[in-house]
Amino acid sequence: MNELIPQGTQLPKKPRAKPTIITLDDGRKISSDGRLSIPLIAEWLRGEPDEWVTVAEIAKFAVHNANPRSKRSVRRRMRPLVTHFRSFGIVLLVEYGADHNGASAVKIYRGTTEQEKQAANEKLQKMRLHKDATENEICQMAEIIAATHLVAENRG
């Protein structure tokens, strides 16, 4: 260790800058710091078109790489991501079935297609069956889905 700093002295940590979304020359978007930031991923997903976004695409955005380790990290952070969206009154649908029934893709629920409505209802049933959330959270999610159905019907 450096002789100028007494042993056992803690050095002050540099404050970390808040990550942002960077647009590359080819149009792709990535995070500025290469870390899995739930609020930043949520912001990026809100700006994506209304389609399924794969775990590999999320890994490429967040950690700039889609190797098995980074995809596993994204899958591990799926529950906090869903909870983050739910706190804003948005339902995030997660498609399972890839590696050992792990998450393979996500989509923000907008209630525009019959497939979305069916996936949302299946998600509610699974949450009740596996007690994946409290009854209050399940009711909150059901209310969000019902409200989204009404908005989608009024638009169309």
N, C-alpha and C. Protein backbone atom coordinates (compact mmCIF):
# COMPACT_ATOMS: atom_id res chain seq x y z
N MET A 1 0.85 -1.19 0.00
CA MET A 1 0.00 0.00 0.00
C MET A 1 0.88 1.24 0.00
N ASN A 2 0.33 2.32 -0.43
CA ASN A 2 1.04 3.58 -0.50
C ASN A 2 1.42 4.04 0.91
N GLU A 3 2.66 4.45 1.10
CA GLU A 3 3.15 4.85 2.42
C GLU A 3 2.61 6.21 2.85
N LEU A 4 2.08 7.00 1.93
CA LEU A 4 1.55 8.31 2.27
C LEU A 4 0.19 8.22 2.94
N ILE A 5 -0.52 7.13 2.68
CA ILE A 5 -1.85 6.93 3.26
C ILE A 5 -1.73 5.93 4.40
N PRO A 6 -2.11 6.33 5.63
CA PRO A 6 -2.01 5.40 6.76
C PRO A 6 -2.88 4.16 6.53
N GLN A 7 -2.40 3.04 7.01
CA GLN A 7 -3.11 1.79 6.84
C GLN A 7 -4.45 1.85 7.58
N GLY A 8 -5.49 1.33 6.95
CA GLY A 8 -6.82 1.32 7.55
C GLY A 8 -7.64 2.54 7.19
N THR A 9 -7.07 3.51 6.49
CA THR A 9 -7.79 4.70 6.09
C THR A 9 -8.65 4.38 4.86
N GLN A 10 -9.91 4.74 4.95
CA GLN A 10 -10.79 4.50 3.80
C GLN A 10 -10.72 5.70 2.87
N LEU A 11 -10.50 5.41 1.61
CA LEU A 11 -10.46 6.46 0.61
C LEU A 11 -11.88 6.84 0.21
N PRO A 12 -12.13 8.13 -0.05
CA PRO A 12 -13.48 8.52 -0.47
C PRO A 12 -13.79 7.94 -1.85
N LYS A 13 -15.03 7.49 -2.00
CA LYS A 13 -15.45 6.94 -3.29
C LYS A 13 -15.93 8.07 -4.18
N LYS A 14 -15.62 7.93 -5.46
CA LYS A 14 -16.11 8.91 -6.43
C LYS A 14 -17.60 8.66 -6.64
N PRO A 15 -18.38 9.71 -6.64
CA PRO A 15 -19.81 9.49 -6.92
C PRO A 15 -19.99 9.02 -8.36
N ARG A 16 -20.81 8.00 -8.51
CA ARG A 16 -21.03 7.44 -9.83
C ARG A 16 -22.05 8.28 -10.58
N ALA A 17 -21.76 8.58 -11.82
CA ALA A 17 -22.69 9.36 -12.64
C ALA A 17 -23.90 8.51 -12.99
N LYS A 18 -25.06 9.14 -13.08
CA LYS A 18 -26.28 8.44 -13.44
C LYS A 18 -26.17 7.97 -14.88
N PRO A 19 -26.45 6.69 -15.13
CA PRO A 19 -26.33 6.19 -16.51
C PRO A 19 -27.39 6.80 -17.42
N THR A 20 -27.04 6.91 -18.68
CA THR A 20 -27.95 7.47 -19.67
C THR A 20 -27.99 6.56 -20.90
N ILE A 21 -28.92 6.84 -21.78
CA ILE A 21 -29.04 6.09 -23.03
C ILE A 21 -28.25 6.82 -24.11
N ILE A 22 -27.37 6.07 -24.78
CA ILE A 22 -26.54 6.63 -25.85
C ILE A 22 -26.99 6.00 -27.16
N THR A 23 -27.16 6.84 -28.18
CA THR A 23 -27.49 6.34 -29.53
C THR A 23 -26.20 6.29 -30.34
N LEU A 24 -25.88 5.11 -30.86
CA LEU A 24 -24.68 4.93 -31.67
C LEU A 24 -24.93 5.40 -33.11
N ASP A 25 -23.84 5.46 -33.88
CA ASP A 25 -23.95 5.91 -35.27
C ASP A 25 -24.87 5.04 -36.11
N ASP A 26 -24.91 3.73 -35.80
CA ASP A 26 -25.75 2.82 -36.58
C ASP A 26 -27.20 2.78 -36.09
N GLY A 27 -27.57 3.63 -35.11
CA GLY A 27 -28.94 3.72 -34.64
C GLY A 27 -29.24 2.88 -33.41
N ARG A 28 -28.33 1.99 -33.04
CA ARG A 28 -28.55 1.18 -31.85
C ARG A 28 -28.42 2.05 -30.60
N LYS A 29 -29.10 1.63 -29.54
CA LYS A 29 -29.02 2.35 -28.28
C LYS A 29 -28.37 1.45 -27.25
N ILE A 30 -27.49 2.03 -26.42
CA ILE A 30 -26.83 1.30 -25.35
C ILE A 30 -26.80 2.16 -24.10
N SER A 31 -26.54 1.53 -22.96
CA SER A 31 -26.40 2.30 -21.73
C SER A 31 -25.00 2.90 -21.67
N SER A 32 -24.87 3.98 -20.95
CA SER A 32 -23.60 4.69 -20.93
C SER A 32 -22.55 4.01 -20.06
N ASP A 33 -22.98 3.23 -19.07
CA ASP A 33 -22.00 2.67 -18.13
C ASP A 33 -21.82 1.16 -18.23
N GLY A 34 -22.61 0.46 -19.02
CA GLY A 34 -22.44 -0.98 -19.19
C GLY A 34 -22.85 -1.80 -17.97
N ARG A 35 -23.75 -1.27 -17.17
CA ARG A 35 -24.25 -1.98 -15.98
C ARG A 35 -25.75 -2.20 -16.10
N LEU A 36 -26.24 -3.16 -15.33
CA LEU A 36 -27.67 -3.46 -15.35
C LEU A 36 -28.39 -2.47 -14.43
N SER A 37 -28.92 -1.41 -14.99
CA SER A 37 -29.65 -0.40 -14.24
C SER A 37 -31.14 -0.57 -14.57
N ILE A 38 -31.92 -0.99 -13.58
CA ILE A 38 -33.35 -1.26 -13.80
C ILE A 38 -34.08 -0.01 -14.31
N PRO A 39 -33.92 1.16 -13.70
CA PRO A 39 -34.63 2.34 -14.23
C PRO A 39 -34.23 2.68 -15.67
N LEU A 40 -32.97 2.49 -16.01
CA LEU A 40 -32.52 2.79 -17.37
C LEU A 40 -33.08 1.78 -18.38
N ILE A 41 -33.10 0.51 -18.01
CA ILE A 41 -33.68 -0.52 -18.88
C ILE A 41 -35.17 -0.23 -19.09
N ALA A 42 -35.86 0.17 -18.02
CA ALA A 42 -37.28 0.49 -18.11
C ALA A 42 -37.51 1.67 -19.05
N GLU A 43 -36.67 2.69 -18.93
CA GLU A 43 -36.79 3.86 -19.81
C GLU A 43 -36.58 3.46 -21.27
N TRP A 44 -35.58 2.60 -21.51
CA TRP A 44 -35.30 2.13 -22.87
C TRP A 44 -36.46 1.31 -23.43
N LEU A 45 -37.02 0.42 -22.60
CA LEU A 45 -38.13 -0.42 -23.05
C LEU A 45 -39.36 0.42 -23.40
N ARG A 46 -39.60 1.49 -22.66
CA ARG A 46 -40.74 2.36 -22.97
C ARG A 46 -40.59 3.02 -24.33
N GLY A 47 -39.34 3.26 -24.76
CA GLY A 47 -39.10 3.89 -26.04
C GLY A 47 -39.06 2.92 -27.21
N GLU A 48 -39.05 1.62 -26.91
CA GLU A 48 -39.00 0.61 -27.98
C GLU A 48 -40.36 0.44 -28.63
N PRO A 49 -40.40 -0.04 -29.88
CA PRO A 49 -41.69 -0.29 -30.54
C PRO A 49 -42.50 -1.35 -29.79
N ASP A 50 -43.76 -1.42 -30.12
CA ASP A 50 -44.69 -2.32 -29.44
C ASP A 50 -44.48 -3.76 -29.92
N GLU A 51 -43.39 -4.39 -29.47
CA GLU A 51 -43.10 -5.77 -29.84
C GLU A 51 -42.28 -6.43 -28.73
N TRP A 52 -42.12 -7.74 -28.83
CA TRP A 52 -41.35 -8.48 -27.82
C TRP A 52 -39.87 -8.13 -27.96
N VAL A 53 -39.22 -7.90 -26.83
CA VAL A 53 -37.79 -7.60 -26.78
C VAL A 53 -37.11 -8.79 -26.10
N THR A 54 -36.16 -9.41 -26.76
CA THR A 54 -35.52 -10.61 -26.21
C THR A 54 -34.55 -10.25 -25.10
N VAL A 55 -34.23 -11.27 -24.29
CA VAL A 55 -33.26 -11.11 -23.21
C VAL A 55 -31.90 -10.73 -23.80
N ALA A 56 -31.56 -11.28 -24.96
CA ALA A 56 -30.29 -10.96 -25.60
C ALA A 56 -30.24 -9.47 -25.98
N GLU A 57 -31.35 -8.93 -26.47
CA GLU A 57 -31.38 -7.50 -26.82
C GLU A 57 -31.22 -6.62 -25.59
N ILE A 58 -31.85 -7.02 -24.48
CA ILE A 58 -31.69 -6.27 -23.23
C ILE A 58 -30.24 -6.33 -22.76
N ALA A 59 -29.62 -7.52 -22.87
CA ALA A 59 -28.23 -7.67 -22.46
C ALA A 59 -27.31 -6.81 -23.33
N LYS A 60 -27.57 -6.78 -24.63
CA LYS A 60 -26.75 -5.95 -25.53
C LYS A 60 -26.89 -4.47 -25.18
N PHE A 61 -28.11 -4.06 -24.81
CA PHE A 61 -28.32 -2.67 -24.43
C PHE A 61 -27.62 -2.35 -23.11
N ALA A 62 -27.85 -3.18 -22.11
CA ALA A 62 -27.39 -2.86 -20.75
C ALA A 62 -25.90 -3.09 -20.55
N VAL A 63 -25.40 -4.27 -20.92
CA VAL A 63 -23.99 -4.60 -20.64
C VAL A 63 -23.15 -4.72 -21.90
N HIS A 64 -23.74 -4.35 -23.04
CA HIS A 64 -23.04 -4.28 -24.33
C HIS A 64 -22.56 -5.64 -24.82
N ASN A 65 -23.17 -6.71 -24.34
CA ASN A 65 -22.73 -8.05 -24.72
C ASN A 65 -23.88 -9.02 -24.46
N ALA A 66 -24.04 -10.01 -25.33
CA ALA A 66 -25.13 -10.98 -25.16
C ALA A 66 -24.58 -12.39 -24.97
N ASN A 67 -23.55 -12.51 -24.15
CA ASN A 67 -23.02 -13.85 -23.87
C ASN A 67 -23.90 -14.53 -22.81
N PRO A 68 -23.73 -15.83 -22.59
CA PRO A 68 -24.59 -16.53 -21.63
C PRO A 68 -24.59 -15.91 -20.23
N ARG A 69 -23.45 -15.41 -19.80
CA ARG A 69 -23.38 -14.83 -18.45
C ARG A 69 -24.21 -13.55 -18.35
N SER A 70 -24.14 -12.68 -19.36
CA SER A 70 -24.91 -11.44 -19.31
C SER A 70 -26.41 -11.71 -19.44
N LYS A 71 -26.78 -12.70 -20.27
CA LYS A 71 -28.20 -13.05 -20.38
C LYS A 71 -28.73 -13.63 -19.06
N ARG A 72 -27.91 -14.40 -18.38
CA ARG A 72 -28.28 -14.95 -17.08
C ARG A 72 -28.49 -13.81 -16.08
N SER A 73 -27.61 -12.79 -16.14
CA SER A 73 -27.75 -11.63 -15.26
C SER A 73 -29.06 -10.89 -15.53
N VAL A 74 -29.40 -10.74 -16.79
CA VAL A 74 -30.66 -10.07 -17.15
C VAL A 74 -31.84 -10.88 -16.63
N ARG A 75 -31.79 -12.21 -16.80
CA ARG A 75 -32.89 -13.06 -16.32
C ARG A 75 -33.05 -12.94 -14.81
N ARG A 76 -31.94 -12.82 -14.10
CA ARG A 76 -31.99 -12.69 -12.64
C ARG A 76 -32.64 -11.37 -12.22
N ARG A 77 -32.54 -10.36 -13.06
CA ARG A 77 -33.09 -9.05 -12.73
C ARG A 77 -34.51 -8.85 -13.27
N MET A 78 -35.12 -9.92 -13.78
CA MET A 78 -36.45 -9.81 -14.38
C MET A 78 -37.51 -9.42 -13.34
N ARG A 79 -37.48 -10.03 -12.17
CA ARG A 79 -38.48 -9.71 -11.15
C ARG A 79 -38.39 -8.24 -10.71
N PRO A 80 -37.18 -7.71 -10.41
CA PRO A 80 -37.13 -6.28 -10.07
C PRO A 80 -37.61 -5.38 -11.21
N LEU A 81 -37.40 -5.80 -12.45
CA LEU A 81 -37.85 -5.02 -13.60
C LEU A 81 -39.39 -5.00 -13.66
N VAL A 82 -40.00 -6.16 -13.46
CA VAL A 82 -41.47 -6.25 -13.46
C VAL A 82 -42.04 -5.41 -12.31
N THR A 83 -41.41 -5.48 -11.14
CA THR A 83 -41.85 -4.71 -9.98
C THR A 83 -41.71 -3.22 -10.24
N HIS A 84 -40.63 -2.82 -10.88
CA HIS A 84 -40.42 -1.41 -11.21
C HIS A 84 -41.54 -0.90 -12.12
N PHE A 85 -41.88 -1.66 -13.13
CA PHE A 85 -42.97 -1.26 -14.03
C PHE A 85 -44.30 -1.21 -13.29
N ARG A 86 -44.55 -2.21 -12.43
CA ARG A 86 -45.80 -2.26 -11.69
C ARG A 86 -45.96 -1.04 -10.79
N SER A 87 -44.84 -0.52 -10.25
CA SER A 87 -44.91 0.66 -9.38
C SER A 87 -45.38 1.90 -10.14
N PHE A 88 -45.25 1.88 -11.47
CA PHE A 88 -45.72 2.99 -12.30
C PHE A 88 -47.06 2.68 -12.96
N GLY A 89 -47.68 1.56 -12.59
CA GLY A 89 -48.97 1.20 -13.15
C GLY A 89 -48.89 0.62 -14.55
N ILE A 90 -47.76 -0.02 -14.86
CA ILE A 90 -47.55 -0.63 -16.17
C ILE A 90 -47.30 -2.11 -15.97
N VAL A 91 -47.91 -2.95 -16.79
CA VAL A 91 -47.70 -4.39 -16.71
C VAL A 91 -46.65 -4.79 -17.74
N LEU A 92 -45.64 -5.48 -17.27
CA LEU A 92 -44.60 -6.00 -18.16
C LEU A 92 -44.82 -7.50 -18.31
N LEU A 93 -45.10 -7.94 -19.53
CA LEU A 93 -45.30 -9.36 -19.80
C LEU A 93 -43.94 -10.02 -20.02
N VAL A 94 -43.75 -11.19 -19.44
CA VAL A 94 -42.51 -11.94 -19.58
C VAL A 94 -42.84 -13.27 -20.24
N GLU A 95 -42.14 -13.57 -21.32
CA GLU A 95 -42.33 -14.84 -22.03
C GLU A 95 -41.27 -15.82 -21.55
N TYR A 96 -41.70 -17.00 -21.12
CA TYR A 96 -40.78 -18.01 -20.61
C TYR A 96 -40.69 -19.17 -21.59
N GLY A 97 -39.62 -19.96 -21.47
CA GLY A 97 -39.55 -21.17 -22.26
C GLY A 97 -38.21 -21.44 -22.89
N ALA A 98 -37.28 -20.52 -22.80
CA ALA A 98 -35.97 -20.74 -23.43
C ALA A 98 -35.15 -21.70 -22.56
N ASP A 99 -33.96 -21.32 -22.20
CA ASP A 99 -33.06 -22.16 -21.42
C ASP A 99 -33.70 -22.56 -20.08
N HIS A 100 -34.03 -23.82 -19.95
CA HIS A 100 -34.58 -24.37 -18.71
C HIS A 100 -35.78 -23.56 -18.22
N ASN A 101 -36.65 -23.19 -19.13
CA ASN A 101 -37.86 -22.43 -18.85
C ASN A 101 -37.55 -21.04 -18.27
N GLY A 102 -36.41 -20.48 -18.65
CA GLY A 102 -36.06 -19.13 -18.21
C GLY A 102 -36.75 -18.09 -19.09
N ALA A 103 -36.67 -16.86 -18.68
CA ALA A 103 -37.27 -15.77 -19.45
C ALA A 103 -36.57 -15.65 -20.80
N SER A 104 -37.36 -15.44 -21.85
CA SER A 104 -36.77 -15.30 -23.18
C SER A 104 -37.04 -13.94 -23.80
N ALA A 105 -38.18 -13.29 -23.41
CA ALA A 105 -38.52 -11.99 -23.98
C ALA A 105 -39.48 -11.26 -23.05
N VAL A 106 -39.56 -9.94 -23.24
CA VAL A 106 -40.49 -9.11 -22.46
C VAL A 106 -41.22 -8.16 -23.40
N LYS A 107 -42.37 -7.68 -22.92
CA LYS A 107 -43.15 -6.73 -23.70
C LYS A 107 -44.00 -5.91 -22.74
N ILE A 108 -44.12 -4.63 -23.00
CA ILE A 108 -45.00 -3.79 -22.20
C ILE A 108 -46.43 -4.06 -22.65
N TYR A 109 -47.31 -4.35 -21.68
CA TYR A 109 -48.69 -4.68 -21.99
C TYR A 109 -49.46 -3.42 -22.37
N ARG A 110 -50.05 -3.46 -23.56
CA ARG A 110 -50.87 -2.34 -24.02
C ARG A 110 -52.29 -2.76 -24.34
N GLY A 111 -52.57 -4.06 -24.34
CA GLY A 111 -53.91 -4.57 -24.55
C GLY A 111 -54.44 -4.42 -25.96
N THR A 112 -53.56 -4.34 -26.94
CA THR A 112 -54.01 -4.09 -28.32
C THR A 112 -54.30 -5.38 -29.08
N THR A 113 -53.65 -6.48 -28.74
CA THR A 113 -53.88 -7.73 -29.48
C THR A 113 -54.47 -8.79 -28.55
N GLU A 114 -55.11 -9.75 -29.15
CA GLU A 114 -55.70 -10.84 -28.38
C GLU A 114 -54.61 -11.67 -27.70
N GLN A 115 -53.45 -11.81 -28.35
CA GLN A 115 -52.33 -12.56 -27.77
C GLN A 115 -51.85 -11.90 -26.48
N GLU A 116 -51.79 -10.56 -26.47
CA GLU A 116 -51.38 -9.82 -25.27
C GLU A 116 -52.38 -10.05 -24.14
N LYS A 117 -53.66 -9.96 -24.47
CA LYS A 117 -54.70 -10.14 -23.45
C LYS A 117 -54.62 -11.53 -22.85
N GLN A 118 -54.41 -12.54 -23.70
CA GLN A 118 -54.30 -13.91 -23.22
C GLN A 118 -53.06 -14.08 -22.35
N ALA A 119 -51.93 -13.50 -22.76
CA ALA A 119 -50.69 -13.59 -21.98
C ALA A 119 -50.85 -12.91 -20.62
N ALA A 120 -51.56 -11.78 -20.59
CA ALA A 120 -51.77 -11.07 -19.32
C ALA A 120 -52.65 -11.89 -18.39
N ASN A 121 -53.71 -12.50 -18.92
CA ASN A 121 -54.58 -13.33 -18.09
C ASN A 121 -53.84 -14.57 -17.57
N GLU A 122 -53.00 -15.18 -18.42
CA GLU A 122 -52.20 -16.32 -17.98
C GLU A 122 -51.22 -15.91 -16.87
N LYS A 123 -50.66 -14.72 -17.00
CA LYS A 123 -49.73 -14.23 -15.99
C LYS A 123 -50.44 -14.07 -14.65
N LEU A 124 -51.65 -13.51 -14.68
CA LEU A 124 -52.42 -13.36 -13.44
C LEU A 124 -52.73 -14.72 -12.81
N GLN A 125 -53.12 -15.69 -13.63
CA GLN A 125 -53.42 -17.02 -13.12
C GLN A 125 -52.19 -17.66 -12.50
N LYS A 126 -51.02 -17.53 -13.16
CA LYS A 126 -49.79 -18.10 -12.62
C LYS A 126 -49.39 -17.43 -11.32
N MET A 127 -49.59 -16.12 -11.25
CA MET A 127 -49.25 -15.40 -10.02
C MET A 127 -50.11 -15.89 -8.86
N ARG A 128 -51.40 -16.13 -9.13
CA ARG A 128 -52.29 -16.64 -8.07
C ARG A 128 -51.92 -18.07 -7.69
N LEU A 129 -51.63 -18.90 -8.69
CA LEU A 129 -51.33 -20.31 -8.45
C LEU A 129 -50.04 -20.48 -7.65
N HIS A 130 -48.99 -19.75 -8.04
CA HIS A 130 -47.69 -19.91 -7.40
C HIS A 130 -47.47 -18.94 -6.25
N LYS A 131 -48.51 -18.14 -5.94
CA LYS A 131 -48.39 -17.13 -4.89
C LYS A 131 -47.13 -16.28 -5.10
N ASP A 132 -46.98 -15.84 -6.36
CA ASP A 132 -45.81 -15.09 -6.80
C ASP A 132 -45.82 -13.66 -6.26
N ALA A 133 -46.98 -13.20 -5.85
CA ALA A 133 -47.11 -11.84 -5.33
C ALA A 133 -48.19 -11.85 -4.26
N THR A 134 -48.28 -10.77 -3.53
CA THR A 134 -49.33 -10.67 -2.52
C THR A 134 -50.67 -10.49 -3.23
N GLU A 135 -51.75 -10.75 -2.51
CA GLU A 135 -53.08 -10.61 -3.10
C GLU A 135 -53.33 -9.16 -3.51
N ASN A 136 -52.78 -8.23 -2.75
CA ASN A 136 -52.91 -6.81 -3.08
C ASN A 136 -52.22 -6.50 -4.41
N GLU A 137 -51.03 -7.03 -4.62
CA GLU A 137 -50.30 -6.81 -5.87
C GLU A 137 -51.03 -7.43 -7.05
N ILE A 138 -51.60 -8.61 -6.84
CA ILE A 138 -52.36 -9.28 -7.91
C ILE A 138 -53.60 -8.46 -8.27
N CYS A 139 -54.30 -7.94 -7.26
CA CYS A 139 -55.47 -7.11 -7.52
C CYS A 139 -55.07 -5.83 -8.25
N GLN A 140 -53.95 -5.23 -7.85
CA GLN A 140 -53.45 -4.02 -8.50
C GLN A 140 -53.17 -4.30 -9.98
N MET A 141 -52.54 -5.44 -10.25
CA MET A 141 -52.21 -5.80 -11.62
C MET A 141 -53.48 -6.06 -12.43
N ALA A 142 -54.47 -6.71 -11.83
CA ALA A 142 -55.75 -6.97 -12.51
C ALA A 142 -56.44 -5.65 -12.85
N GLU A 143 -56.37 -4.66 -11.95
CA GLU A 143 -56.97 -3.36 -12.21
C GLU A 143 -56.26 -2.65 -13.36
N ILE A 144 -54.94 -2.75 -13.42
CA ILE A 144 -54.18 -2.13 -14.50
C ILE A 144 -54.57 -2.76 -15.84
N ILE A 145 -54.68 -4.09 -15.86
CA ILE A 145 -55.05 -4.80 -17.09
C ILE A 145 -56.46 -4.40 -17.52
N ALA A 146 -57.40 -4.32 -16.56
CA ALA A 146 -58.77 -3.94 -16.89
C ALA A 146 -58.82 -2.51 -17.43
N ALA A 147 -58.07 -1.60 -16.82
CA ALA A 147 -58.04 -0.22 -17.29
C ALA A 147 -57.43 -0.13 -18.69
N THR A 148 -56.41 -0.92 -18.94
CA THR A 148 -55.76 -0.93 -20.25
C THR A 148 -56.72 -1.46 -21.31
N HIS A 149 -57.54 -2.48 -20.94
CA HIS A 149 -58.55 -3.01 -21.87
C HIS A 149 -59.52 -1.90 -22.28
N LEU A 150 -59.98 -1.10 -21.29
CA LEU A 150 -60.92 -0.04 -21.59
C LEU A 150 -60.31 1.02 -22.50
N VAL A 151 -59.07 1.40 -22.22
CA VAL A 151 -58.39 2.40 -23.05
C VAL A 151 -58.22 1.88 -24.47
N ALA A 152 -57.80 0.60 -24.61
CA ALA A 152 -57.58 0.02 -25.93
C ALA A 152 -58.90 -0.07 -26.72
N GLU A 153 -60.00 -0.40 -26.02
CA GLU A 153 -61.29 -0.50 -26.70
C GLU A 153 -61.78 0.88 -27.15
N ASN A 154 -61.53 1.91 -26.34
CA ASN A 154 -61.96 3.26 -26.71
C ASN A 154 -61.16 3.80 -27.88
N ARG A 155 -59.88 3.38 -27.99
CA ARG A 155 -59.04 3.82 -29.12
C ARG A 155 -59.50 3.15 -30.41
N GLY A 156 -59.81 1.85 -30.30
CA GLY A 156 -60.10 1.08 -31.50
C GLY A 156 -61.53 1.01 -31.74
